[in-house]
N, C-alpha and C. Protein backbone atom coordinates (compact mmCIF):
# COMPACT_ATOMS: atom_id res chain seq x y z
N UNK A 1 59.82 126.29 200.30
CA UNK A 1 59.43 124.96 199.88
C UNK A 1 59.34 124.93 198.35
N UNK A 2 59.96 123.95 197.76
CA UNK A 2 59.86 123.84 196.31
C UNK A 2 58.61 123.05 195.93
N UNK A 3 58.36 122.93 194.65
CA UNK A 3 57.13 122.31 194.16
C UNK A 3 57.00 120.85 194.60
N UNK A 4 58.11 120.09 194.55
CA UNK A 4 58.05 118.67 194.91
C UNK A 4 57.72 118.50 196.40
N UNK A 5 58.28 119.35 197.24
CA UNK A 5 57.98 119.29 198.68
C UNK A 5 56.51 119.62 198.93
N UNK A 6 56.01 120.62 198.22
CA UNK A 6 54.59 120.99 198.36
C UNK A 6 53.68 119.85 197.91
N UNK A 7 54.03 119.20 196.81
CA UNK A 7 53.24 118.07 196.34
C UNK A 7 53.26 116.93 197.35
N UNK A 8 54.40 116.72 197.98
CA UNK A 8 54.50 115.67 199.00
C UNK A 8 53.62 115.99 200.21
N UNK A 9 53.64 117.26 200.61
CA UNK A 9 52.81 117.69 201.75
C UNK A 9 51.33 117.54 201.40
N UNK A 10 50.94 117.97 200.21
CA UNK A 10 49.54 117.85 199.79
C UNK A 10 49.12 116.38 199.76
N UNK A 11 49.98 115.52 199.25
CA UNK A 11 49.67 114.09 199.20
C UNK A 11 49.51 113.49 200.59
N UNK A 12 50.40 113.86 201.51
CA UNK A 12 50.32 113.32 202.88
C UNK A 12 49.06 113.82 203.58
N UNK A 13 48.76 115.11 203.45
CA UNK A 13 47.57 115.67 204.09
C UNK A 13 46.30 115.06 203.48
N UNK A 14 46.28 114.90 202.17
CA UNK A 14 45.10 114.31 201.50
C UNK A 14 44.89 112.88 201.98
N UNK A 15 45.98 112.14 202.16
CA UNK A 15 45.88 110.76 202.65
C UNK A 15 45.33 110.73 204.07
N UNK A 16 45.79 111.64 204.92
CA UNK A 16 45.28 111.72 206.31
C UNK A 16 43.81 112.12 206.33
N UNK A 17 43.45 113.09 205.50
CA UNK A 17 42.06 113.55 205.45
C UNK A 17 41.13 112.44 204.96
N UNK A 18 41.60 111.65 204.01
CA UNK A 18 40.77 110.56 203.48
C UNK A 18 40.57 109.47 204.53
N UNK A 19 41.57 109.23 205.36
CA UNK A 19 41.50 108.18 206.39
C UNK A 19 40.72 108.61 207.62
N UNK A 20 40.72 109.90 207.92
CA UNK A 20 40.19 110.41 209.19
C UNK A 20 38.68 110.31 209.27
N UNK A 21 38.20 109.91 210.44
CA UNK A 21 36.76 109.93 210.72
C UNK A 21 36.34 111.32 211.17
N UNK A 22 37.27 112.02 211.84
CA UNK A 22 36.98 113.37 212.31
C UNK A 22 38.23 114.23 212.12
N UNK A 23 38.00 115.48 211.74
CA UNK A 23 39.06 116.47 211.60
C UNK A 23 38.55 117.74 212.28
N UNK A 24 39.38 118.29 213.15
CA UNK A 24 38.99 119.53 213.85
C UNK A 24 40.01 120.61 213.52
N UNK A 25 39.51 121.75 213.08
CA UNK A 25 40.32 122.90 212.68
C UNK A 25 40.48 123.83 213.88
N UNK A 26 41.74 124.17 214.20
CA UNK A 26 42.01 125.04 215.35
C UNK A 26 42.87 126.21 214.93
N UNK A 27 42.76 127.29 215.69
CA UNK A 27 43.63 128.45 215.52
C UNK A 27 44.58 128.44 216.71
N UNK A 28 45.86 128.29 216.45
CA UNK A 28 46.85 128.15 217.51
C UNK A 28 47.66 129.41 217.73
N UNK A 29 47.28 130.52 217.09
CA UNK A 29 48.08 131.74 217.22
C UNK A 29 48.09 132.19 218.67
N UNK A 30 49.28 132.55 219.15
CA UNK A 30 49.43 132.98 220.53
C UNK A 30 49.93 131.89 221.45
N UNK A 31 49.92 130.65 221.00
CA UNK A 31 50.46 129.57 221.82
C UNK A 31 51.98 129.56 221.73
N UNK A 32 52.62 129.26 222.84
CA UNK A 32 54.08 129.15 222.86
C UNK A 32 54.49 127.77 222.37
N UNK A 33 55.75 127.65 222.05
CA UNK A 33 56.26 126.39 221.53
C UNK A 33 56.05 125.26 222.55
N UNK A 34 56.26 125.55 223.83
CA UNK A 34 56.07 124.53 224.86
C UNK A 34 54.62 124.05 224.91
N UNK A 35 53.70 124.99 224.74
CA UNK A 35 52.28 124.63 224.75
C UNK A 35 51.92 123.79 223.53
N UNK A 36 52.45 124.15 222.38
CA UNK A 36 52.20 123.35 221.17
C UNK A 36 52.78 121.95 221.31
N UNK A 37 53.97 121.88 221.89
CA UNK A 37 54.60 120.57 222.11
C UNK A 37 53.76 119.74 223.07
N UNK A 38 53.24 120.37 224.11
CA UNK A 38 52.38 119.68 225.07
C UNK A 38 51.10 119.18 224.39
N UNK A 39 50.50 120.02 223.55
CA UNK A 39 49.29 119.62 222.81
C UNK A 39 49.57 118.44 221.90
N UNK A 40 50.64 118.52 221.15
CA UNK A 40 51.00 117.41 220.25
C UNK A 40 51.24 116.12 221.02
N UNK A 41 51.88 116.23 222.19
CA UNK A 41 52.16 115.04 222.99
C UNK A 41 50.87 114.42 223.54
N UNK A 42 49.96 115.26 223.99
CA UNK A 42 48.69 114.75 224.50
C UNK A 42 47.91 114.05 223.39
N UNK A 43 47.92 114.63 222.21
CA UNK A 43 47.22 114.00 221.09
C UNK A 43 47.91 112.70 220.68
N UNK A 44 49.22 112.70 220.68
CA UNK A 44 49.97 111.50 220.31
C UNK A 44 49.73 110.38 221.32
N UNK A 45 49.67 110.72 222.61
CA UNK A 45 49.40 109.72 223.65
C UNK A 45 48.03 109.08 223.47
N UNK A 46 47.10 109.84 222.92
CA UNK A 46 45.74 109.32 222.69
C UNK A 46 45.61 108.65 221.32
N UNK A 47 46.71 108.56 220.56
CA UNK A 47 46.66 107.93 219.25
C UNK A 47 46.10 108.83 218.17
N UNK A 48 46.24 110.13 218.34
CA UNK A 48 45.70 111.11 217.40
C UNK A 48 46.84 111.89 216.75
N UNK A 49 46.54 112.62 215.70
CA UNK A 49 47.55 113.42 214.99
C UNK A 49 47.17 114.89 215.02
N UNK A 50 48.19 115.73 214.94
CA UNK A 50 47.99 117.18 214.82
C UNK A 50 48.99 117.68 213.80
N UNK A 51 48.54 118.53 212.91
CA UNK A 51 49.40 119.00 211.83
C UNK A 51 49.11 120.46 211.52
N UNK A 52 50.16 121.21 211.26
CA UNK A 52 50.03 122.60 210.83
C UNK A 52 50.42 122.64 209.36
N UNK A 53 49.51 123.17 208.53
CA UNK A 53 49.72 123.19 207.08
C UNK A 53 49.28 124.56 206.56
N UNK A 54 49.96 125.02 205.53
CA UNK A 54 49.55 126.28 204.90
C UNK A 54 48.14 126.11 204.33
N UNK A 55 47.38 127.18 204.37
CA UNK A 55 45.98 127.13 203.94
C UNK A 55 45.84 126.74 202.47
N UNK A 56 46.70 127.24 201.62
CA UNK A 56 46.59 126.91 200.20
C UNK A 56 46.83 125.42 199.97
N UNK A 57 47.82 124.86 200.67
CA UNK A 57 48.09 123.43 200.53
C UNK A 57 46.95 122.61 201.11
N UNK A 58 46.38 123.10 202.21
CA UNK A 58 45.27 122.40 202.84
C UNK A 58 44.04 122.41 201.94
N UNK A 59 43.80 123.51 201.26
CA UNK A 59 42.67 123.57 200.32
C UNK A 59 42.84 122.56 199.19
N UNK A 60 44.06 122.48 198.68
CA UNK A 60 44.33 121.52 197.60
C UNK A 60 44.17 120.08 198.10
N UNK A 61 44.66 119.81 199.30
CA UNK A 61 44.60 118.45 199.84
C UNK A 61 43.18 118.03 200.19
N UNK A 62 42.34 118.99 200.57
CA UNK A 62 40.99 118.63 201.01
C UNK A 62 40.03 118.37 199.85
N UNK A 63 40.41 118.71 198.64
CA UNK A 63 39.53 118.50 197.49
C UNK A 63 39.28 117.01 197.28
N UNK A 64 38.02 116.66 197.22
CA UNK A 64 37.65 115.27 196.99
C UNK A 64 37.64 114.42 198.24
N UNK A 65 37.84 115.01 199.40
CA UNK A 65 37.78 114.26 200.67
C UNK A 65 36.57 114.73 201.47
N UNK A 66 36.32 114.06 202.57
CA UNK A 66 35.21 114.45 203.44
C UNK A 66 35.44 115.77 204.14
N UNK A 67 36.68 116.25 204.15
CA UNK A 67 37.01 117.50 204.84
C UNK A 67 36.92 118.72 203.92
N UNK A 68 36.41 118.54 202.73
CA UNK A 68 36.32 119.66 201.78
C UNK A 68 35.51 120.85 202.32
N UNK A 69 34.45 120.63 203.12
CA UNK A 69 33.71 121.79 203.65
C UNK A 69 34.56 122.71 204.52
N UNK A 70 35.66 122.21 205.08
CA UNK A 70 36.52 123.05 205.91
C UNK A 70 37.29 124.08 205.10
N UNK A 71 37.42 123.86 203.80
CA UNK A 71 38.25 124.75 202.98
C UNK A 71 37.74 126.19 202.99
N UNK A 72 36.46 126.39 203.27
CA UNK A 72 35.90 127.74 203.32
C UNK A 72 36.26 128.45 204.62
N UNK A 73 36.65 127.69 205.64
CA UNK A 73 36.90 128.25 206.97
C UNK A 73 38.39 128.49 207.23
N UNK A 74 39.23 128.27 206.26
CA UNK A 74 40.67 128.33 206.45
C UNK A 74 41.18 129.76 206.28
N UNK A 75 41.26 130.48 207.39
CA UNK A 75 41.86 131.80 207.41
C UNK A 75 42.79 131.87 208.61
N UNK A 76 43.90 132.55 208.44
CA UNK A 76 44.86 132.66 209.53
C UNK A 76 45.61 131.37 209.75
N UNK A 77 46.37 131.30 210.84
CA UNK A 77 47.13 130.07 211.12
C UNK A 77 46.19 128.96 211.59
N UNK A 78 46.28 127.83 210.93
CA UNK A 78 45.38 126.71 211.25
C UNK A 78 46.17 125.46 211.59
N UNK A 79 45.66 124.75 212.57
CA UNK A 79 46.18 123.43 212.90
C UNK A 79 45.03 122.45 212.76
N UNK A 80 45.36 121.25 212.33
CA UNK A 80 44.34 120.22 212.14
C UNK A 80 44.58 119.06 213.09
N UNK A 81 43.54 118.68 213.80
CA UNK A 81 43.58 117.47 214.60
C UNK A 81 42.87 116.37 213.83
N UNK A 82 43.51 115.19 213.78
CA UNK A 82 42.96 114.05 213.03
C UNK A 82 42.63 112.92 213.99
N UNK A 83 41.46 112.33 213.81
CA UNK A 83 41.08 111.12 214.54
C UNK A 83 40.72 110.05 213.52
N UNK A 84 41.35 108.90 213.66
CA UNK A 84 41.11 107.82 212.71
C UNK A 84 40.16 106.77 213.27
N UNK A 85 39.94 106.78 214.59
CA UNK A 85 39.07 105.79 215.22
C UNK A 85 37.91 106.43 215.97
N UNK A 86 38.21 107.08 217.08
CA UNK A 86 37.19 107.60 217.98
C UNK A 86 37.18 109.13 217.94
N UNK A 87 36.21 109.74 217.28
CA UNK A 87 36.19 111.20 217.19
C UNK A 87 35.97 111.89 218.53
N UNK A 88 35.36 111.18 219.47
CA UNK A 88 35.10 111.77 220.79
C UNK A 88 36.42 112.07 221.49
N UNK A 89 37.38 111.18 221.36
CA UNK A 89 38.67 111.36 222.03
C UNK A 89 39.38 112.61 221.52
N UNK A 90 39.35 112.84 220.22
CA UNK A 90 39.97 114.05 219.66
C UNK A 90 39.31 115.30 220.22
N UNK A 91 37.99 115.31 220.23
CA UNK A 91 37.26 116.48 220.75
C UNK A 91 37.59 116.70 222.24
N UNK A 92 37.65 115.61 223.01
CA UNK A 92 37.95 115.74 224.45
C UNK A 92 39.33 116.34 224.67
N UNK A 93 40.33 115.84 223.97
CA UNK A 93 41.69 116.33 224.17
C UNK A 93 41.79 117.80 223.79
N UNK A 94 41.22 118.18 222.65
CA UNK A 94 41.32 119.57 222.21
C UNK A 94 40.52 120.52 223.11
N UNK A 95 39.31 120.12 223.50
CA UNK A 95 38.49 120.99 224.35
C UNK A 95 39.14 121.15 225.74
N UNK A 96 39.65 120.05 226.30
CA UNK A 96 40.31 120.14 227.60
C UNK A 96 41.57 120.99 227.53
N UNK A 97 42.32 120.87 226.45
CA UNK A 97 43.52 121.69 226.28
C UNK A 97 43.14 123.16 226.12
N UNK A 98 42.06 123.43 225.40
CA UNK A 98 41.61 124.81 225.19
C UNK A 98 41.13 125.44 226.50
N UNK A 99 40.62 124.62 227.43
CA UNK A 99 40.21 125.16 228.74
C UNK A 99 41.43 125.68 229.50
N UNK A 100 42.53 124.91 229.43
CA UNK A 100 43.75 125.31 230.14
C UNK A 100 44.53 126.38 229.38
N UNK A 101 44.38 126.42 228.07
CA UNK A 101 45.11 127.36 227.21
C UNK A 101 44.11 128.09 226.32
N UNK A 102 43.54 129.19 226.80
CA UNK A 102 42.47 129.86 226.05
C UNK A 102 42.90 130.43 224.70
N UNK A 103 44.19 130.46 224.42
CA UNK A 103 44.63 130.98 223.11
C UNK A 103 44.38 129.97 222.01
N UNK A 104 44.17 128.71 222.35
CA UNK A 104 43.80 127.72 221.34
C UNK A 104 42.32 127.88 221.07
N UNK A 105 42.00 128.19 219.84
CA UNK A 105 40.61 128.42 219.46
C UNK A 105 40.16 127.28 218.55
N UNK A 106 39.11 126.59 218.97
CA UNK A 106 38.55 125.52 218.13
C UNK A 106 37.55 126.17 217.19
N UNK A 107 37.89 126.14 215.90
CA UNK A 107 37.05 126.82 214.91
C UNK A 107 35.86 125.94 214.52
N UNK A 108 36.14 124.88 213.79
CA UNK A 108 35.09 123.99 213.31
C UNK A 108 35.71 122.62 213.09
N UNK A 109 34.88 121.72 212.64
CA UNK A 109 35.38 120.39 212.36
C UNK A 109 34.53 119.68 211.33
N UNK A 110 35.00 118.51 210.97
CA UNK A 110 34.26 117.65 210.05
C UNK A 110 34.16 116.29 210.70
N UNK A 111 32.93 115.79 210.79
CA UNK A 111 32.69 114.47 211.38
C UNK A 111 31.98 113.64 210.33
N UNK A 112 32.65 112.63 209.83
CA UNK A 112 32.11 111.75 208.78
C UNK A 112 31.58 112.55 207.59
N UNK A 113 32.35 113.57 207.17
CA UNK A 113 31.99 114.34 205.99
C UNK A 113 31.01 115.47 206.22
N UNK A 114 30.56 115.66 207.47
CA UNK A 114 29.60 116.73 207.76
C UNK A 114 30.29 117.81 208.61
N UNK A 115 30.06 119.05 208.24
CA UNK A 115 30.65 120.19 208.94
C UNK A 115 29.98 120.37 210.30
N UNK A 116 30.78 120.54 211.35
CA UNK A 116 30.26 120.82 212.69
C UNK A 116 30.94 122.07 213.23
N UNK A 117 30.21 122.86 214.01
CA UNK A 117 30.78 124.09 214.55
C UNK A 117 31.46 123.80 215.90
N UNK A 118 32.01 124.85 216.50
CA UNK A 118 32.76 124.66 217.75
C UNK A 118 31.84 124.21 218.89
N UNK A 119 30.58 124.63 218.88
CA UNK A 119 29.64 124.18 219.91
C UNK A 119 29.40 122.67 219.80
N UNK A 120 29.31 122.19 218.58
CA UNK A 120 29.12 120.74 218.36
C UNK A 120 30.37 119.96 218.77
N UNK A 121 31.54 120.56 218.57
CA UNK A 121 32.78 119.91 219.01
C UNK A 121 32.79 119.81 220.54
N UNK A 122 32.35 120.88 221.21
CA UNK A 122 32.27 120.85 222.68
C UNK A 122 31.26 119.82 223.15
N UNK A 123 30.13 119.72 222.47
CA UNK A 123 29.12 118.72 222.82
C UNK A 123 29.66 117.31 222.59
N UNK A 124 30.42 117.14 221.53
CA UNK A 124 31.04 115.84 221.24
C UNK A 124 32.02 115.46 222.33
N UNK A 125 32.72 116.44 222.87
CA UNK A 125 33.70 116.18 223.92
C UNK A 125 33.03 115.72 225.22
N UNK A 126 31.77 116.08 225.42
CA UNK A 126 31.06 115.70 226.63
C UNK A 126 30.51 114.28 226.59
N UNK A 127 30.50 113.68 225.40
CA UNK A 127 30.00 112.31 225.27
C UNK A 127 30.96 111.33 225.94
N UNK A 128 30.43 110.23 226.45
CA UNK A 128 31.34 109.20 226.96
C UNK A 128 32.07 108.53 225.80
N UNK A 129 33.12 107.80 226.14
CA UNK A 129 33.90 107.13 225.10
C UNK A 129 33.08 106.04 224.42
N UNK A 130 33.58 105.54 223.34
CA UNK A 130 32.89 104.52 222.55
C UNK A 130 32.65 103.26 223.38
N UNK A 131 33.66 102.87 224.17
CA UNK A 131 33.53 101.67 224.99
C UNK A 131 32.42 101.81 226.02
N UNK A 132 32.32 102.98 226.64
CA UNK A 132 31.28 103.22 227.64
C UNK A 132 29.90 103.21 226.96
N UNK A 133 29.78 103.83 225.79
CA UNK A 133 28.51 103.82 225.08
C UNK A 133 28.11 102.40 224.69
N UNK A 134 29.06 101.59 224.25
CA UNK A 134 28.76 100.19 223.91
C UNK A 134 28.33 99.41 225.14
N UNK A 135 28.98 99.66 226.27
CA UNK A 135 28.59 98.98 227.51
C UNK A 135 27.18 99.38 227.94
N UNK A 136 26.84 100.65 227.78
CA UNK A 136 25.49 101.11 228.12
C UNK A 136 24.46 100.46 227.19
N UNK A 137 24.77 100.38 225.91
CA UNK A 137 23.87 99.74 224.96
C UNK A 137 23.68 98.27 225.30
N UNK A 138 24.76 97.59 225.63
CA UNK A 138 24.67 96.18 226.00
C UNK A 138 23.82 96.00 227.26
N UNK A 139 23.96 96.91 228.23
CA UNK A 139 23.15 96.85 229.44
C UNK A 139 21.67 97.00 229.13
N UNK A 140 21.34 97.91 228.23
CA UNK A 140 19.94 98.11 227.83
C UNK A 140 19.41 96.87 227.13
N UNK A 141 20.22 96.31 226.24
CA UNK A 141 19.80 95.11 225.52
C UNK A 141 19.61 93.93 226.47
N UNK A 142 20.51 93.77 227.42
CA UNK A 142 20.38 92.69 228.40
C UNK A 142 19.16 92.91 229.30
N UNK A 143 18.85 94.16 229.60
CA UNK A 143 17.70 94.46 230.44
C UNK A 143 16.40 94.03 229.79
N UNK A 144 16.27 94.20 228.51
CA UNK A 144 15.06 93.80 227.79
C UNK A 144 14.90 92.29 227.86
N UNK A 145 15.97 91.56 227.60
CA UNK A 145 15.90 90.09 227.64
C UNK A 145 15.60 89.60 229.06
N UNK A 146 16.24 90.22 230.07
CA UNK A 146 16.02 89.82 231.46
C UNK A 146 14.56 90.07 231.87
N UNK A 147 14.02 91.21 231.48
CA UNK A 147 12.63 91.51 231.81
C UNK A 147 11.67 90.56 231.10
N UNK A 148 11.97 90.21 229.87
CA UNK A 148 11.14 89.27 229.12
C UNK A 148 11.12 87.90 229.79
N UNK A 149 12.29 87.44 230.21
CA UNK A 149 12.37 86.14 230.90
C UNK A 149 11.63 86.21 232.23
N UNK A 150 11.73 87.33 232.94
CA UNK A 150 11.02 87.47 234.22
C UNK A 150 9.50 87.41 234.01
N UNK A 151 9.01 88.04 232.96
CA UNK A 151 7.58 88.01 232.67
C UNK A 151 7.14 86.59 232.33
N UNK A 152 7.93 85.89 231.52
CA UNK A 152 7.59 84.51 231.16
C UNK A 152 7.64 83.58 232.37
N UNK A 153 8.57 83.83 233.28
CA UNK A 153 8.70 82.97 234.46
C UNK A 153 7.63 83.28 235.50
N UNK A 154 7.01 84.45 235.42
CA UNK A 154 6.00 84.84 236.42
C UNK A 154 4.75 83.97 236.33
N UNK A 155 4.38 83.55 235.12
CA UNK A 155 3.16 82.75 234.96
C UNK A 155 3.29 81.40 235.66
N UNK A 156 4.33 80.60 235.39
CA UNK A 156 4.45 79.32 236.11
C UNK A 156 4.66 79.52 237.62
N UNK A 157 5.39 80.58 237.99
CA UNK A 157 5.62 80.86 239.41
C UNK A 157 4.29 81.14 240.11
N UNK A 158 3.42 81.92 239.44
CA UNK A 158 2.10 82.22 240.01
C UNK A 158 1.26 80.96 240.12
N UNK A 159 1.34 80.07 239.13
CA UNK A 159 0.60 78.81 239.17
C UNK A 159 1.09 77.94 240.32
N UNK A 160 2.39 77.85 240.51
CA UNK A 160 2.95 77.05 241.61
C UNK A 160 2.53 77.64 242.94
N UNK A 161 2.53 78.94 243.07
CA UNK A 161 2.12 79.60 244.32
C UNK A 161 0.64 79.32 244.59
N UNK A 162 -0.19 79.40 243.58
CA UNK A 162 -1.63 79.13 243.75
C UNK A 162 -1.86 77.67 244.14
N UNK A 163 -1.16 76.74 243.52
CA UNK A 163 -1.30 75.32 243.87
C UNK A 163 -0.82 75.07 245.30
N UNK A 164 0.23 75.72 245.71
CA UNK A 164 0.75 75.57 247.08
C UNK A 164 -0.27 76.07 248.09
N UNK A 165 -0.94 77.19 247.79
CA UNK A 165 -1.94 77.72 248.70
C UNK A 165 -3.16 76.80 248.76
N UNK A 166 -3.54 76.23 247.63
CA UNK A 166 -4.66 75.28 247.61
C UNK A 166 -4.30 74.07 248.44
N UNK A 167 -3.07 73.58 248.34
CA UNK A 167 -2.62 72.42 249.13
C UNK A 167 -2.66 72.74 250.61
N UNK A 168 -2.22 73.93 250.98
CA UNK A 168 -2.23 74.32 252.40
C UNK A 168 -3.66 74.44 252.92
N UNK A 169 -4.59 74.98 252.12
CA UNK A 169 -5.98 75.10 252.54
C UNK A 169 -6.61 73.73 252.73
N UNK A 170 -6.29 72.79 251.84
CA UNK A 170 -6.84 71.44 251.96
C UNK A 170 -6.25 70.72 253.16
N UNK A 171 -4.98 71.00 253.46
CA UNK A 171 -4.33 70.39 254.61
C UNK A 171 -4.96 70.91 255.90
N UNK A 172 -5.33 72.19 255.96
CA UNK A 172 -5.94 72.78 257.13
C UNK A 172 -7.38 72.26 257.29
N UNK A 173 -8.07 72.09 256.18
CA UNK A 173 -9.45 71.62 256.21
C UNK A 173 -9.52 70.16 256.65
N UNK A 174 -8.46 69.42 256.39
CA UNK A 174 -8.50 67.99 256.71
C UNK A 174 -8.15 67.69 258.11
């Protein structure tokens, strides 16, 4: 690779790192070409990116981005998974692929500029998707309003019930 090609690669990686909400660093040594192709396809189907870059170029590209803490962890062959929207989806795809292909090692990651270890990536993969979490939040919010309305409606309902019983008692007495 000549200098201009390296500069182009550094620029592209820096642009991806700046855009990404989550970046996960993996060691792919020992994976066959078919397995790597399968991993890339699964990530692409989920709207995610995967890139293999030389460590020196990756260190240069990560300077000034949220992924700069990863530069200390770059040893050996590294692949980067990028998520631009939902970091949970990236973690799920990589962790599930690593279960089927134990040679893929999830090293660490960066989530919104903070370094996370492989255990945190696994925990992130166990979370429900963003849509499910939003639906759960909406259900909780609706539950509070529903309970509040039920409490407010209980007072007039109790008054009507008491008046109805008084009417029935007077009707029996008469």
